[in-house]
Protein backbone atom coordinates (compact mmCIF):
# COMPACT_ATOMS: atom_id res chain seq x y z
CA THR A 1 70.30 64.66 133.40
CA HIS A 2 73.62 66.02 134.72
CA HIS A 3 73.02 66.90 138.46
CA PRO A 4 76.18 68.80 140.51
CA ILE A 5 78.13 67.24 142.93
CA ASN A 6 77.17 68.76 146.73
CA LEU A 7 79.32 68.57 149.38
CA ARG A 8 77.95 67.65 152.69
CA ASP A 9 79.25 67.60 156.30
CA PRO A 10 77.57 64.77 157.91
CA LEU A 11 76.63 66.71 160.74
CA ALA A 12 75.58 69.43 158.87
CA ALA A 13 71.51 69.93 158.20
CA ASP A 14 69.97 67.32 155.30
CA PRO A 15 69.17 69.92 152.13
CA THR A 16 66.21 67.75 151.09
CA GLU A 17 64.53 68.26 155.06
CA LEU A 18 65.55 71.94 154.33
CA LEU A 19 63.91 71.84 151.01
CA LYS A 20 60.54 70.63 152.62
CA GLU A 21 60.59 73.32 155.12
CA SER A 22 60.63 75.73 152.37
CA GLY A 23 57.55 74.50 150.81
CA TYR A 24 58.96 72.38 148.08
CA SER A 25 58.71 68.68 147.34
CA ALA A 26 61.86 66.28 147.38
CA GLN A 27 61.29 65.71 143.43
CA GLU A 28 61.89 69.29 142.49
CA ALA A 29 65.56 69.00 143.17
CA VAL A 30 68.07 66.27 142.94
CA PHE A 31 70.81 66.33 145.00
CA ARG A 32 74.26 64.38 144.59
CA LEU A 33 75.79 64.90 147.82
CA GLU A 34 79.53 63.80 148.40
CA PRO A 35 80.71 63.68 152.45
CA PHE A 36 83.34 65.99 153.59
CA ILE A 37 84.50 67.46 156.53
CA ALA A 38 83.48 71.16 157.10
CA LEU A 39 86.03 73.23 159.34
CA THR A 40 83.37 76.02 160.00
CA PRO A 41 83.17 76.99 164.14
CA GLU A 42 79.63 75.59 163.77
CA MET A 43 80.74 72.06 162.41
CA LEU A 44 83.56 72.15 165.11
CA TYR A 45 81.32 72.70 167.44
CA LYS A 46 78.87 70.00 167.03
CA ARG A 47 81.60 67.47 166.14
CA ALA A 48 83.10 68.24 169.46
CA LEU A 49 79.94 67.76 171.45
CA LYS A 50 79.22 64.45 169.30
CA ILE A 51 82.82 63.17 170.10
CA LEU A 52 83.30 64.55 173.75
CA GLN A 53 79.78 64.28 175.32
CA PRO A 54 80.43 66.54 177.66
CA PRO A 55 78.63 66.35 180.86
CA GLU A 56 76.04 69.24 181.83
CA THR A 57 78.61 70.75 184.17
CA VAL A 58 80.82 71.58 181.57
CA SER A 59 80.48 73.76 178.54
CA VAL A 60 82.34 73.65 175.26
CA SER A 61 83.24 76.30 172.86
CA ILE A 62 85.66 77.06 169.75
CA ASP A 63 88.26 79.52 169.55
CA GLY A 64 89.95 79.15 165.90
CA SER A 65 91.39 75.64 166.00
CA GLN A 66 90.85 75.46 169.85
CA VAL A 67 88.65 73.61 171.93
CA VAL A 68 87.97 75.49 175.31
CA LEU A 69 86.45 73.65 178.09
CA VAL A 70 85.09 75.42 181.26
CA GLY A 71 83.10 73.81 184.21
CA GLN A 72 83.72 70.70 186.41
CA GLY A 73 84.04 67.33 185.19
CA THR A 74 85.28 63.56 186.51
CA HIS A 75 88.73 62.56 186.70
CA ASP A 76 88.14 59.80 183.98
CA TRP A 77 85.94 61.81 181.89
CA ILE A 78 88.86 64.59 181.64
CA SER A 79 91.70 62.21 181.22
CA GLN A 80 90.04 61.55 178.14
CA ALA A 81 88.84 65.11 176.77
CA SER A 82 92.34 66.05 175.85
CA GLN A 83 93.23 63.20 173.39
CA LYS A 84 89.35 62.98 172.01
CA SER A 85 89.85 66.93 171.47
CA LEU A 86 93.07 66.54 169.57
CA ALA A 87 91.18 63.61 167.19
CA ILE A 88 88.83 66.28 166.12
CA PRO A 89 89.74 67.38 162.51
CA GLY A 90 90.52 70.92 162.53
CA ILE A 91 91.69 71.24 166.46
CA THR A 92 95.09 71.42 167.13
CA SER A 93 94.84 72.50 170.91
CA VAL A 94 92.73 72.18 174.05
CA ASN A 95 92.19 75.05 176.83
CA MET A 96 91.64 73.02 179.97
CA GLU A 97 92.55 76.13 182.28
CA ARG A 98 89.19 76.72 183.80
CA LEU A 99 88.26 72.84 183.92
CA THR A 100 88.21 71.52 187.58
CA ASP A 101 88.56 68.06 188.16
CA THR A 102 85.82 67.23 190.68
CA GLY A 103 87.88 63.76 191.70
CA LEU A 104 90.90 65.61 192.65
CA LYS A 105 89.13 68.44 194.51
CA GLN A 106 87.41 66.05 196.39
CA PHE A 107 91.10 64.27 197.04
CA GLU A 108 92.50 67.89 198.28
CA THR A 109 89.73 68.68 200.43
CA LEU A 110 90.20 65.35 202.12
CA LEU A 111 94.20 65.63 202.15
CA GLN A 112 93.15 69.31 204.19
CA VAL A 113 90.69 67.86 206.43
CA LEU A 114 93.01 64.78 207.52
CA GLU A 115 96.08 67.49 208.27
CA SER A 116 93.84 69.13 210.20
CA GLN A 117 93.24 66.63 212.72
CA SER A 118 95.49 65.82 215.40
CA LEU A 119 94.84 63.27 218.54
CA ASN A 120 95.80 64.16 221.96
CA PHE A 121 97.80 62.21 224.68
CA LEU A 122 97.97 63.27 228.83
CA PRO A 123 101.14 63.49 229.78
CA GLY A 124 103.70 60.61 229.73
CA GLN A 125 100.98 58.33 228.22
CA VAL A 126 101.24 56.83 224.85
CA ASN A 127 97.59 55.53 224.58
CA ILE A 128 94.56 57.94 223.66
CA GLN A 129 91.34 58.03 225.66
CA GLY A 130 88.09 59.60 225.97
CA GLU A 131 87.05 62.03 223.35
CA GLU A 132 90.43 61.31 221.39
CA LEU A 133 88.95 57.80 220.75
CA SER A 134 85.80 59.33 218.84
CA LYS A 135 88.35 61.75 217.05
CA LEU A 136 90.18 58.25 215.94
CA LYS A 137 86.74 57.35 214.43
CA ASP A 138 86.66 60.43 212.37
CA VAL A 139 90.26 59.97 211.21
CA LYS A 140 89.55 56.42 209.92
CA GLY A 141 86.44 57.66 207.93
CA ILE A 142 88.54 60.30 206.19
CA LEU A 143 91.44 57.76 205.27
CA GLU A 144 88.86 55.52 203.88
CA GLN A 145 87.12 58.30 201.99
CA MET A 146 90.85 59.13 200.74
CA ASP A 147 91.49 55.57 199.72
CA GLY A 148 88.74 55.52 197.76
CA THR A 149 89.11 58.66 195.89
CA ALA A 150 92.71 57.78 195.35
CA ARG A 151 91.89 54.46 193.59
CA ASP A 152 89.87 56.37 191.51
CA LEU A 153 92.71 59.14 190.45
CA GLY A 154 95.33 56.28 190.10
CA LEU A 155 97.56 57.88 192.88
CA GLN A 156 98.85 56.11 195.91
CA PRO A 157 99.48 58.76 198.60
CA SER A 158 101.56 58.26 201.63
CA VAL A 159 100.30 59.34 205.04
CA ARG A 160 102.81 60.14 207.64
CA ILE A 161 101.30 59.72 211.54
CA VAL A 162 103.66 62.15 213.34
CA GLY A 163 104.27 62.02 216.97
CA TYR A 164 105.28 64.51 219.27
CA SER A 165 106.25 65.24 223.07
CA SER A 166 106.11 67.78 225.21
CA PRO A 167 109.60 69.52 226.08
CA ASP A 168 109.06 68.17 229.74
CA GLY A 169 112.23 65.40 230.48
CA SER A 170 115.21 64.47 228.50
CA ASP A 171 115.57 64.49 224.81
CA LYS A 172 115.83 61.00 224.32
CA MET A 173 112.49 60.21 226.63
CA ASN A 174 110.80 62.36 224.29
CA THR A 175 112.19 61.38 221.35
CA ARG A 176 110.92 57.72 222.53
CA LEU A 177 107.48 58.67 223.82
CA SER A 178 107.11 60.54 220.41
CA GLU A 179 107.91 57.54 218.34
CA ILE A 180 105.78 55.11 220.63
CA ARG A 181 102.93 57.44 220.31
CA ALA A 182 102.89 57.03 216.57
CA GLN A 183 103.35 53.47 216.66
CA GLN A 184 100.44 53.10 218.58
CA ILE A 185 98.25 55.05 216.17
CA LEU A 186 99.34 53.37 213.28
CA GLY A 187 98.56 49.84 214.99
CA LEU A 188 95.00 51.35 215.47
CA LEU A 189 94.68 52.25 211.95
CA GLN A 190 96.51 49.25 210.40
CA SER A 191 92.80 47.75 210.39
CA LEU A 192 91.80 49.73 207.68
CA PRO A 193 91.27 48.06 204.54
CA LEU A 194 93.32 50.67 202.69
CA ARG A 195 94.61 49.67 199.01
CA ALA A 196 96.26 53.10 197.63
CA VAL A 197 97.20 54.89 200.98
CA SER A 198 100.19 53.66 202.74
CA LEU A 199 100.90 54.74 206.59
CA VAL A 200 103.93 54.97 208.11
CA ALA A 201 104.81 56.37 211.52
CA VAL A 202 107.36 58.93 212.87
CA GLY A 203 108.37 60.19 215.72
CA ARG A 204 109.85 63.85 215.88
CA GLY A 205 110.25 64.41 219.69
CA VAL A 206 109.52 68.00 220.88
CA ASP A 207 107.87 70.35 218.21
CA PRO A 208 109.37 73.81 218.60
CA SER A 209 106.00 75.41 217.42
CA ALA A 210 103.91 73.64 219.89
CA GLN A 211 102.87 75.60 223.02
CA ASN A 212 103.01 73.78 226.83
CA THR A 213 100.16 74.97 228.34
CA GLY A 214 100.64 72.40 231.41
CA ALA A 215 99.03 68.72 232.17
CA THR A 216 95.88 69.39 230.26
CA GLY A 217 97.59 69.91 226.84
CA GLN A 218 95.40 72.39 225.80
CA GLY A 219 96.12 75.42 223.68
CA ILE A 220 96.83 76.29 220.07
CA ALA A 221 98.99 73.36 219.49
CA ASN A 222 99.10 70.59 221.92
CA PRO A 223 102.80 69.32 222.42
CA ARG A 224 101.83 65.76 223.42
CA ARG A 225 99.76 64.70 219.93
CA VAL A 226 99.96 63.01 216.95
CA SER A 227 99.32 64.88 213.59
CA PHE A 228 98.92 63.81 210.20
CA GLU A 229 100.80 64.52 206.76
CA VAL A 230 99.96 63.87 203.55
CA GLU A 231 102.82 63.57 200.63
CA ARG A 232 101.69 65.71 197.98
CA VAL A 233 100.96 63.94 194.44
CA THR A 234 100.30 65.06 190.95
CA ALA A 235 97.52 63.70 189.22
CA PRO A 236 98.87 61.77 185.78
CA SER A 237 95.95 63.93 183.52
CA GLU A 238 97.39 67.34 184.94
CA GLY A 239 100.82 66.68 182.97
CA ARG A 240 98.57 66.19 179.81
CA ARG A 241 96.55 69.18 179.80
CA GLU A 242 97.15 72.18 177.12
């Protein structure tokens, strides 16, 4: 008896099982199934889920021949998602505009927190004291977290430790004070086991935007301080997004 050949995508439902669900036995129909790749939206969606294996925080949808990814994913998963999506038969592009890289998000948060920190000095002093020593511990913790996140992202950010002085005294003395303050903080941070983050000390003398409020050095910006600047970096995965 000649039986027609039927095409079935491996991800499609088994017709024998469908037959049973309809109340017929498997002997009442014979299927000659040949594999093929279906390009219907349903099959593209099923194939995308199987290949991408998205986390619960990422939703996958199909828009024509495009995979659309929305939500939050780890850097490792996102870095592979684009290449894997384009390997799906029938898919020609990937939309990741609404996909957040949680690793990059954490790195940017740590960057902003670090750049909001400052260590203040008393007039003419080059060593921090009292409360500023506690603040230095916070800075160390932030740097260690940033280093771990940067390693995960494959980044090597540079942190500038920037020293400033008040307008009091000569320009030469102020510049030298700012340099020594930056170098002092660098020395206190060099014991950290940083593998991705690099530290460099810079003295800038008087900060024109700082407000000198007297010997206490308190105000909108303490002129006698060390601040932190992180060189902005771009993650390798961002350049591959489509």
